[in-house]
Amino acid sequence: MSGRIEAIYENGMFRPITPVNLPEGTRVFIEADTIQADPEAIIREQLLAEGANPEQVEKIIDNFRQLWSSYDTLTEEQKESLELARLDQKNFFERRP
């Protein structure tokens, strides 16, 4: 089987952008083709793939823009707390039964 899987490298692991249909333990080869990540495009693509309509997508992205622009106004302590919460949330949603 061969095909192309788009993924993001985060925290020492490759994370596919969309679900993959491979059996557990499948060995894959990765060829890196680094591109400038456009967070809005990635979010838009994922939301549309999950069934959101274009109006909903734009509202969500507008909310993210507001959050991203307000990040610079946070203190270092607030940024650290936010990062810890983000990591905790990621671990929560990726827990396996």
PDB file of N, CA and C in Angstrom:
ATOM      1  N   MET A   1       0.854  -1.184   0.000  1.00  0.00           N
ATOM      2  CA  MET A   1       0.000   0.000   0.000  1.00  0.00           C
ATOM      3  C   MET A   1       0.888   1.231   0.000  1.00  0.00           C
ATOM      4  N   SER A   2       0.515   2.211  -0.781  1.00  0.00           N
ATOM      5  CA  SER A   2       1.245   3.473  -0.715  1.00  0.00           C
ATOM      6  C   SER A   2       0.260   4.612  -0.847  1.00  0.00           C
ATOM      7  N   GLY A   3       0.627   5.723  -0.336  1.00  0.00           N
ATOM      8  CA  GLY A   3      -0.211   6.904  -0.381  1.00  0.00           C
ATOM      9  C   GLY A   3       0.496   8.023   0.348  1.00  0.00           C
ATOM     10  N   ARG A   4      -0.086   9.142   0.326  1.00  0.00           N
ATOM     11  CA  ARG A   4       0.519  10.305   0.955  1.00  0.00           C
ATOM     12  C   ARG A   4      -0.304  10.686   2.174  1.00  0.00           C
ATOM     13  N   ILE A   5       0.379  10.868   3.297  1.00  0.00           N
ATOM     14  CA  ILE A   5      -0.263  11.285   4.532  1.00  0.00           C
ATOM     15  C   ILE A   5       0.371  12.590   4.957  1.00  0.00           C
ATOM     16  N   GLU A   6      -0.433  13.629   5.069  1.00  0.00           N
ATOM     17  CA  GLU A   6       0.083  14.912   5.532  1.00  0.00           C
ATOM     18  C   GLU A   6       0.063  14.914   7.049  1.00  0.00           C
ATOM     19  N   ALA A   7       1.177  15.312   7.650  1.00  0.00           N
ATOM     20  CA  ALA A   7       1.294  15.287   9.105  1.00  0.00           C
ATOM     21  C   ALA A   7       2.064  16.505   9.588  1.00  0.00           C
ATOM     22  N   ILE A   8       1.938  16.749  10.883  1.00  0.00           N
ATOM     23  CA  ILE A   8       2.672  17.824  11.555  1.00  0.00           C
ATOM     24  C   ILE A   8       3.553  17.183  12.613  1.00  0.00           C
ATOM     25  N   TYR A   9       4.774  17.645  12.729  1.00  0.00           N
ATOM     26  CA  TYR A   9       5.690  17.141  13.740  1.00  0.00           C
ATOM     27  C   TYR A   9       5.533  17.996  14.989  1.00  0.00           C
ATOM     28  N   GLU A  10       5.074  17.384  16.091  1.00  0.00           N
ATOM     29  CA  GLU A  10       4.851  18.086  17.355  1.00  0.00           C
ATOM     30  C   GLU A  10       5.316  17.214  18.507  1.00  0.00           C
ATOM     31  N   ASN A  11       5.985  17.827  19.449  1.00  0.00           N
ATOM     32  CA  ASN A  11       6.388  17.123  20.674  1.00  0.00           C
ATOM     33  C   ASN A  11       7.056  15.782  20.391  1.00  0.00           C
ATOM     34  N   GLY A  12       7.908  15.748  19.371  1.00  0.00           N
ATOM     35  CA  GLY A  12       8.670  14.546  19.067  1.00  0.00           C
ATOM     36  C   GLY A  12       7.905  13.461  18.338  1.00  0.00           C
ATOM     37  N   MET A  13       6.687  13.769  17.872  1.00  0.00           N
ATOM     38  CA  MET A  13       5.873  12.764  17.171  1.00  0.00           C
ATOM     39  C   MET A  13       5.250  13.376  15.925  1.00  0.00           C
ATOM     40  N   PHE A  14       4.989  12.532  14.938  1.00  0.00           N
ATOM     41  CA  PHE A  14       4.276  12.968  13.747  1.00  0.00           C
ATOM     42  C   PHE A  14       2.789  12.745  13.972  1.00  0.00           C
ATOM     43  N   ARG A  15       1.993  13.802  13.751  1.00  0.00           N
ATOM     44  CA  ARG A  15       0.549  13.728  13.953  1.00  0.00           C
ATOM     45  C   ARG A  15      -0.136  13.972  12.612  1.00  0.00           C
ATOM     46  N   PRO A  16      -0.852  12.952  12.079  1.00  0.00           N
ATOM     47  CA  PRO A  16      -1.558  13.148  10.811  1.00  0.00           C
ATOM     48  C   PRO A  16      -2.592  14.268  10.938  1.00  0.00           C
ATOM     49  N   ILE A  17      -2.749  15.023   9.882  1.00  0.00           N
ATOM     50  CA  ILE A  17      -3.716  16.127   9.879  1.00  0.00           C
ATOM     51  C   ILE A  17      -5.137  15.589   9.731  1.00  0.00           C
ATOM     52  N   THR A  18      -5.291  14.519   8.989  1.00  0.00           N
ATOM     53  CA  THR A  18      -6.599  13.895   8.826  1.00  0.00           C
ATOM     54  C   THR A  18      -6.491  12.431   9.272  1.00  0.00           C
ATOM     55  N   PRO A  19      -7.612  11.797   9.602  1.00  0.00           N
ATOM     56  CA  PRO A  19      -7.553  10.397  10.034  1.00  0.00           C
ATOM     57  C   PRO A  19      -6.931   9.507   8.955  1.00  0.00           C
ATOM     58  N   VAL A  20      -6.197   8.485   9.390  1.00  0.00           N
ATOM     59  CA  VAL A  20      -5.601   7.535   8.453  1.00  0.00           C
ATOM     60  C   VAL A  20      -6.220   6.162   8.668  1.00  0.00           C
ATOM     61  N   ASN A  21      -6.279   5.404   7.608  1.00  0.00           N
ATOM     62  CA  ASN A  21      -6.863   4.069   7.670  1.00  0.00           C
ATOM     63  C   ASN A  21      -5.742   3.043   7.504  1.00  0.00           C
ATOM     64  N   LEU A  22      -4.988   2.837   8.573  1.00  0.00           N
ATOM     65  CA  LEU A  22      -3.887   1.879   8.562  1.00  0.00           C
ATOM     66  C   LEU A  22      -4.016   0.966   9.765  1.00  0.00           C
ATOM     67  N   PRO A  23      -3.666  -0.292   9.604  1.00  0.00           N
ATOM     68  CA  PRO A  23      -3.688  -1.194  10.760  1.00  0.00           C
ATOM     69  C   PRO A  23      -2.617  -0.791  11.768  1.00  0.00           C
ATOM     70  N   GLU A  24      -2.880  -1.039  13.058  1.00  0.00           N
ATOM     71  CA  GLU A  24      -1.900  -0.758  14.102  1.00  0.00           C
ATOM     72  C   GLU A  24      -0.603  -1.478  13.770  1.00  0.00           C
ATOM     73  N   GLY A  25       0.498  -0.824  14.014  1.00  0.00           N
ATOM     74  CA  GLY A  25       1.806  -1.424  13.794  1.00  0.00           C
ATOM     75  C   GLY A  25       2.310  -1.327  12.366  1.00  0.00           C
ATOM     76  N   THR A  26       1.537  -0.682  11.481  1.00  0.00           N
ATOM     77  CA  THR A  26       1.975  -0.530  10.100  1.00  0.00           C
ATOM     78  C   THR A  26       3.230   0.329  10.060  1.00  0.00           C
ATOM     79  N   ARG A  27       4.223  -0.146   9.348  1.00  0.00           N
ATOM     80  CA  ARG A  27       5.467   0.610   9.207  1.00  0.00           C
ATOM     81  C   ARG A  27       5.313   1.564   8.026  1.00  0.00           C
ATOM     82  N   VAL A  28       5.675   2.815   8.243  1.00  0.00           N
ATOM     83  CA  VAL A  28       5.588   3.824   7.185  1.00  0.00           C
ATOM     84  C   VAL A  28       6.942   4.504   7.039  1.00  0.00           C
ATOM     85  N   PHE A  29       7.176   5.062   5.881  1.00  0.00           N
ATOM     86  CA  PHE A  29       8.376   5.838   5.624  1.00  0.00           C
ATOM     87  C   PHE A  29       7.957   7.284   5.453  1.00  0.00           C
ATOM     88  N   ILE A  30       8.705   8.175   6.064  1.00  0.00           N
ATOM     89  CA  ILE A  30       8.347   9.585   6.032  1.00  0.00           C
ATOM     90  C   ILE A  30       9.402  10.355   5.253  1.00  0.00           C
ATOM     91  N   GLU A  31       8.944  11.126   4.303  1.00  0.00           N
ATOM     92  CA  GLU A  31       9.816  12.007   3.550  1.00  0.00           C
ATOM     93  C   GLU A  31       9.369  13.425   3.860  1.00  0.00           C
ATOM     94  N   ALA A  32      10.233  14.172   4.510  1.00  0.00           N
ATOM     95  CA  ALA A  32       9.860  15.519   4.948  1.00  0.00           C
ATOM     96  C   ALA A  32       9.882  16.490   3.780  1.00  0.00           C
ATOM     97  N   ASP A  33       8.814  17.219   3.650  1.00  0.00           N
ATOM     98  CA  ASP A  33       8.691  18.290   2.666  1.00  0.00           C
ATOM     99  C   ASP A  33       8.222  19.492   3.463  1.00  0.00           C
ATOM    100  N   THR A  34       9.154  20.237   4.023  1.00  0.00           N
ATOM    101  CA  THR A  34       8.780  21.320   4.925  1.00  0.00           C
ATOM    102  C   THR A  34       8.134  22.458   4.149  1.00  0.00           C
ATOM    103  N   ILE A  35       7.037  22.905   4.700  1.00  0.00           N
ATOM    104  CA  ILE A  35       6.318  24.035   4.124  1.00  0.00           C
ATOM    105  C   ILE A  35       6.012  25.012   5.249  1.00  0.00           C
ATOM    106  N   GLN A  36       5.820  26.239   4.900  1.00  0.00           N
ATOM    107  CA  GLN A  36       5.451  27.245   5.893  1.00  0.00           C
ATOM    108  C   GLN A  36       4.025  26.958   6.350  1.00  0.00           C
ATOM    109  N   ALA A  37       3.880  26.648   7.616  1.00  0.00           N
ATOM    110  CA  ALA A  37       2.555  26.321   8.146  1.00  0.00           C
ATOM    111  C   ALA A  37       1.681  27.567   8.202  1.00  0.00           C
ATOM    112  N   ASP A  38       0.496  27.453   7.676  1.00  0.00           N
ATOM    113  CA  ASP A  38      -0.490  28.518   7.746  1.00  0.00           C
ATOM    114  C   ASP A  38      -1.596  28.026   8.667  1.00  0.00           C
ATOM    115  N   PRO A  39      -1.564  28.455   9.953  1.00  0.00           N
ATOM    116  CA  PRO A  39      -2.534  27.919  10.909  1.00  0.00           C
ATOM    117  C   PRO A  39      -3.978  28.083  10.461  1.00  0.00           C
ATOM    118  N   GLU A  40      -4.311  29.203   9.861  1.00  0.00           N
ATOM    119  CA  GLU A  40      -5.689  29.411   9.425  1.00  0.00           C
ATOM    120  C   GLU A  40      -6.087  28.399   8.360  1.00  0.00           C
ATOM    121  N   ALA A  41      -5.201  28.140   7.404  1.00  0.00           N
ATOM    122  CA  ALA A  41      -5.510  27.191   6.341  1.00  0.00           C
ATOM    123  C   ALA A  41      -5.668  25.783   6.911  1.00  0.00           C
ATOM    124  N   ILE A  42      -4.808  25.418   7.855  1.00  0.00           N
ATOM    125  CA  ILE A  42      -4.883  24.085   8.463  1.00  0.00           C
ATOM    126  C   ILE A  42      -6.191  23.930   9.229  1.00  0.00           C
ATOM    127  N   ILE A  43      -6.540  24.941  10.024  1.00  0.00           N
ATOM    128  CA  ILE A  43      -7.779  24.901  10.805  1.00  0.00           C
ATOM    129  C   ILE A  43      -8.981  24.865   9.878  1.00  0.00           C
ATOM    130  N   ARG A  44      -8.972  25.704   8.857  1.00  0.00           N
ATOM    131  CA  ARG A  44     -10.087  25.758   7.895  1.00  0.00           C
ATOM    132  C   ARG A  44     -10.286  24.388   7.248  1.00  0.00           C
ATOM    133  N   GLU A  45      -9.193  23.785   6.774  1.00  0.00           N
ATOM    134  CA  GLU A  45      -9.268  22.488   6.102  1.00  0.00           C
ATOM    135  C   GLU A  45      -9.816  21.406   7.045  1.00  0.00           C
ATOM    136  N   GLN A  46      -9.332  21.404   8.277  1.00  0.00           N
ATOM    137  CA  GLN A  46      -9.775  20.379   9.223  1.00  0.00           C
ATOM    138  C   GLN A  46     -11.248  20.565   9.590  1.00  0.00           C
ATOM    139  N   LEU A  47     -11.672  21.794   9.833  1.00  0.00           N
ATOM    140  CA  LEU A  47     -13.065  22.039  10.186  1.00  0.00           C
ATOM    141  C   LEU A  47     -14.014  21.659   9.051  1.00  0.00           C
ATOM    142  N   LEU A  48     -13.647  22.021   7.836  1.00  0.00           N
ATOM    143  CA  LEU A  48     -14.486  21.672   6.687  1.00  0.00           C
ATOM    144  C   LEU A  48     -14.549  20.153   6.511  1.00  0.00           C
ATOM    145  N   ALA A  49     -13.417  19.479   6.706  1.00  0.00           N
ATOM    146  CA  ALA A  49     -13.382  18.017   6.588  1.00  0.00           C
ATOM    147  C   ALA A  49     -14.262  17.353   7.643  1.00  0.00           C
ATOM    148  N   GLU A  50     -14.422  18.018   8.795  1.00  0.00           N
ATOM    149  CA  GLU A  50     -15.237  17.463   9.878  1.00  0.00           C
ATOM    150  C   GLU A  50     -16.697  17.858   9.783  1.00  0.00           C
ATOM    151  N   GLY A  51     -17.062  18.589   8.714  1.00  0.00           N
ATOM    152  CA  GLY A  51     -18.468  18.863   8.475  1.00  0.00           C
ATOM    153  C   GLY A  51     -18.961  20.260   8.803  1.00  0.00           C
ATOM    154  N   ALA A  52     -18.077  21.148   9.249  1.00  0.00           N
ATOM    155  CA  ALA A  52     -18.512  22.530   9.528  1.00  0.00           C
ATOM    156  C   ALA A  52     -18.811  23.239   8.212  1.00  0.00           C
ATOM    157  N   ASN A  53     -19.785  24.146   8.254  1.00  0.00           N
ATOM    158  CA  ASN A  53     -20.071  24.899   7.040  1.00  0.00           C
ATOM    159  C   ASN A  53     -19.152  26.124   6.993  1.00  0.00           C
ATOM    160  N   PRO A  54     -18.975  26.739   5.818  1.00  0.00           N
ATOM    161  CA  PRO A  54     -18.040  27.850   5.677  1.00  0.00           C
ATOM    162  C   PRO A  54     -18.304  29.020   6.638  1.00  0.00           C
ATOM    163  N   GLU A  55     -19.569  29.302   6.936  1.00  0.00           N
ATOM    164  CA  GLU A  55     -19.884  30.390   7.869  1.00  0.00           C
ATOM    165  C   GLU A  55     -19.375  30.057   9.277  1.00  0.00           C
ATOM    166  N   GLN A  56     -19.606  28.824   9.711  1.00  0.00           N
ATOM    167  CA  GLN A  56     -19.113  28.399  11.028  1.00  0.00           C
ATOM    168  C   GLN A  56     -17.588  28.463  11.077  1.00  0.00           C
ATOM    169  N   VAL A  57     -16.946  28.029  10.006  1.00  0.00           N
ATOM    170  CA  VAL A  57     -15.483  28.026   9.942  1.00  0.00           C
ATOM    171  C   VAL A  57     -14.946  29.445  10.115  1.00  0.00           C
ATOM    172  N   GLU A  58     -15.540  30.393   9.410  1.00  0.00           N
ATOM    173  CA  GLU A  58     -15.052  31.779   9.499  1.00  0.00           C
ATOM    174  C   GLU A  58     -15.248  32.356  10.900  1.00  0.00           C
ATOM    175  N   LYS A  59     -16.352  32.025  11.553  1.00  0.00           N
ATOM    176  CA  LYS A  59     -16.566  32.496  12.931  1.00  0.00           C
ATOM    177  C   LYS A  59     -15.509  31.918  13.869  1.00  0.00           C
ATOM    178  N   ILE A  60     -15.218  30.652  13.703  1.00  0.00           N
ATOM    179  CA  ILE A  60     -14.209  30.005  14.552  1.00  0.00           C
ATOM    180  C   ILE A  60     -12.837  30.628  14.307  1.00  0.00           C
ATOM    181  N   ILE A  61     -12.489  30.828  13.043  1.00  0.00           N
ATOM    182  CA  ILE A  61     -11.184  31.416  12.727  1.00  0.00           C
ATOM    183  C   ILE A  61     -11.098  32.848  13.234  1.00  0.00           C
ATOM    184  N   ASP A  62     -12.188  33.615  13.144  1.00  0.00           N
ATOM    185  CA  ASP A  62     -12.197  34.970  13.710  1.00  0.00           C
ATOM    186  C   ASP A  62     -11.920  34.933  15.207  1.00  0.00           C
ATOM    187  N   ASN A  63     -12.517  33.966  15.909  1.00  0.00           N
ATOM    188  CA  ASN A  63     -12.251  33.824  17.345  1.00  0.00           C
ATOM    189  C   ASN A  63     -10.784  33.503  17.604  1.00  0.00           C
ATOM    190  N   PHE A  64     -10.206  32.623  16.789  1.00  0.00           N
ATOM    191  CA  PHE A  64      -8.789  32.308  16.946  1.00  0.00           C
ATOM    192  C   PHE A  64      -7.922  33.542  16.700  1.00  0.00           C
ATOM    193  N   ARG A  65      -8.266  34.331  15.693  1.00  0.00           N
ATOM    194  CA  ARG A  65      -7.488  35.562  15.425  1.00  0.00           C
ATOM    195  C   ARG A  65      -7.483  36.475  16.648  1.00  0.00           C
ATOM    196  N   GLN A  66      -8.631  36.612  17.283  1.00  0.00           N
ATOM    197  CA  GLN A  66      -8.710  37.442  18.489  1.00  0.00           C
ATOM    198  C   GLN A  66      -7.842  36.868  19.598  1.00  0.00           C
ATOM    199  N   LEU A  67      -7.878  35.566  19.776  1.00  0.00           N
ATOM    200  CA  LEU A  67      -7.041  34.926  20.794  1.00  0.00           C
ATOM    201  C   LEU A  67      -5.562  35.098  20.481  1.00  0.00           C
ATOM    202  N   TRP A  68      -5.191  34.878  19.221  1.00  0.00           N
ATOM    203  CA  TRP A  68      -3.786  34.994  18.846  1.00  0.00           C
ATOM    204  C   TRP A  68      -3.283  36.418  19.061  1.00  0.00           C
ATOM    205  N   SER A  69      -4.096  37.405  18.737  1.00  0.00           N
ATOM    206  CA  SER A  69      -3.640  38.798  18.888  1.00  0.00           C
ATOM    207  C   SER A  69      -3.568  39.209  20.352  1.00  0.00           C
ATOM    208  N   SER A  70      -4.367  38.575  21.204  1.00  0.00           N
ATOM    209  CA  SER A  70      -4.329  38.941  22.624  1.00  0.00           C
ATOM    210  C   SER A  70      -3.206  38.233  23.370  1.00  0.00           C
ATOM    211  N   TYR A  71      -2.626  37.197  22.785  1.00  0.00           N
ATOM    212  CA  TYR A  71      -1.567  36.430  23.459  1.00  0.00           C
ATOM    213  C   TYR A  71      -0.387  37.330  23.830  1.00  0.00           C
ATOM    214  N   ASP A  72      -0.030  38.251  22.958  1.00  0.00           N
ATOM    215  CA  ASP A  72       1.119  39.128  23.203  1.00  0.00           C
ATOM    216  C   ASP A  72       0.917  40.053  24.398  1.00  0.00           C
ATOM    217  N   THR A  73      -0.308  40.246  24.820  1.00  0.00           N
ATOM    218  CA  THR A  73      -0.573  41.138  25.959  1.00  0.00           C
ATOM    219  C   THR A  73      -0.486  40.401  27.301  1.00  0.00           C
ATOM    220  N   LEU A  74      -0.318  39.072  27.269  1.00  0.00           N
ATOM    221  CA  LEU A  74      -0.251  38.300  28.501  1.00  0.00           C
ATOM    222  C   LEU A  74       1.112  38.450  29.179  1.00  0.00           C
ATOM    223  N   THR A  75       1.122  38.299  30.497  1.00  0.00           N
ATOM    224  CA  THR A  75       2.379  38.269  31.236  1.00  0.00           C
ATOM    225  C   THR A  75       3.028  36.901  31.017  1.00  0.00           C
ATOM    226  N   GLU A  76       4.296  36.779  31.368  1.00  0.00           N
ATOM    227  CA  GLU A  76       4.978  35.488  31.223  1.00  0.00           C
ATOM    228  C   GLU A  76       4.305  34.414  32.075  1.00  0.00           C
ATOM    229  N   GLU A  77       3.859  34.794  33.268  1.00  0.00           N
ATOM    230  CA  GLU A  77       3.168  33.844  34.145  1.00  0.00           C
ATOM    231  C   GLU A  77       1.871  33.357  33.504  1.00  0.00           C
ATOM    232  N   GLN A  78       1.121  34.268  32.884  1.00  0.00           N
ATOM    233  CA  GLN A  78      -0.125  33.894  32.218  1.00  0.00           C
ATOM    234  C   GLN A  78       0.154  32.987  31.017  1.00  0.00           C
ATOM    235  N   LYS A  79       1.216  33.294  30.272  1.00  0.00           N
ATOM    236  CA  LYS A  79       1.583  32.459  29.128  1.00  0.00           C
ATOM    237  C   LYS A  79       1.958  31.060  29.588  1.00  0.00           C
ATOM    238  N   GLU A  80       2.692  30.969  30.695  1.00  0.00           N
ATOM    239  CA  GLU A  80       3.087  29.665  31.224  1.00  0.00           C
ATOM    240  C   GLU A  80       1.856  28.867  31.670  1.00  0.00           C
ATOM    241  N   SER A  81       0.923  29.535  32.353  1.00  0.00           N
ATOM    242  CA  SER A  81      -0.306  28.864  32.786  1.00  0.00           C
ATOM    243  C   SER A  81      -1.116  28.377  31.588  1.00  0.00           C
ATOM    244  N   LEU A  82      -1.189  29.200  30.569  1.00  0.00           N
ATOM    245  CA  LEU A  82      -1.922  28.828  29.363  1.00  0.00           C
ATOM    246  C   LEU A  82      -1.274  27.624  28.687  1.00  0.00           C
ATOM    247  N   GLU A  83       0.041  27.615  28.611  1.00  0.00           N
ATOM    248  CA  GLU A  83       0.751  26.497  27.997  1.00  0.00           C
ATOM    249  C   GLU A  83       0.534  25.209  28.792  1.00  0.00           C
ATOM    250  N   LEU A  84       0.582  25.293  30.114  1.00  0.00           N
ATOM    251  CA  LEU A  84       0.339  24.109  30.944  1.00  0.00           C
ATOM    252  C   LEU A  84      -1.085  23.586  30.749  1.00  0.00           C
ATOM    253  N   ALA A  85      -2.037  24.484  30.657  1.00  0.00           N
ATOM    254  CA  ALA A  85      -3.426  24.080  30.430  1.00  0.00           C
ATOM    255  C   ALA A  85      -3.581  23.430  29.057  1.00  0.00           C
ATOM    256  N   ARG A  86      -2.907  23.978  28.067  1.00  0.00           N
ATOM    257  CA  ARG A  86      -2.970  23.422  26.711  1.00  0.00           C
ATOM    258  C   ARG A  86      -2.404  22.006  26.703  1.00  0.00           C
ATOM    259  N   LEU A  87      -1.268  21.806  27.353  1.00  0.00           N
ATOM    260  CA  LEU A  87      -0.668  20.478  27.407  1.00  0.00           C
ATOM    261  C   LEU A  87      -1.569  19.496  28.139  1.00  0.00           C
ATOM    262  N   ASP A  88      -2.173  19.943  29.236  1.00  0.00           N
ATOM    263  CA  ASP A  88      -3.071  19.084  29.995  1.00  0.00           C
ATOM    264  C   ASP A  88      -4.284  18.704  29.146  1.00  0.00           C
ATOM    265  N   GLN A  89      -4.835  19.672  28.405  1.00  0.00           N
ATOM    266  CA  GLN A  89      -5.993  19.405  27.547  1.00  0.00           C
ATOM    267  C   GLN A  89      -5.613  18.392  26.470  1.00  0.00           C
ATOM    268  N   LYS A  90      -4.425  18.554  25.876  1.00  0.00           N
ATOM    269  CA  LYS A  90      -3.992  17.633  24.834  1.00  0.00           C
ATOM    270  C   LYS A  90      -3.896  16.218  25.405  1.00  0.00           C
ATOM    271  N   ASN A  91      -3.316  16.076  26.587  1.00  0.00           N
ATOM    272  CA  ASN A  91      -3.201  14.757  27.207  1.00  0.00           C
ATOM    273  C   ASN A  91      -4.573  14.181  27.517  1.00  0.00           C
ATOM    274  N   PHE A  92      -5.502  15.017  27.936  1.00  0.00           N
ATOM    275  CA  PHE A  92      -6.845  14.559  28.262  1.00  0.00           C
ATOM    276  C   PHE A  92      -7.527  13.955  27.043  1.00  0.00           C
ATOM    277  N   PHE A  93      -7.454  14.639  25.914  1.00  0.00           N
ATOM    278  CA  PHE A  93      -8.159  14.178  24.729  1.00  0.00           C
ATOM    279  C   PHE A  93      -7.450  13.030  24.024  1.00  0.00           C
ATOM    280  N   GLU A  94      -6.175  12.813  24.292  1.00  0.00           N
ATOM    281  CA  GLU A  94      -5.445  11.738  23.625  1.00  0.00           C
ATOM    282  C   GLU A  94      -5.323  10.493  24.500  1.00  0.00           C
ATOM    283  N   ARG A  95      -5.975  10.456  25.648  1.00  0.00           N
ATOM    284  CA  ARG A  95      -5.918   9.280  26.510  1.00  0.00           C
ATOM    285  C   ARG A  95      -6.582   8.092  25.829  1.00  0.00           C
ATOM    286  N   ARG A  96      -5.970   6.952  26.003  1.00  0.00           N
ATOM    287  CA  ARG A  96      -6.505   5.721  25.434  1.00  0.00           C
ATOM    288  C   ARG A  96      -7.165   4.900  26.543  1.00  0.00           C
ATOM    289  N   PRO A  97      -8.273   4.201  26.216  1.00  0.00           N
ATOM    290  CA  PRO A  97      -8.931   3.371  27.238  1.00  0.00           C
ATOM    291  C   PRO A  97      -8.058   2.209  27.686  1.00  0.00           C
TER     292      PRO A  97
END
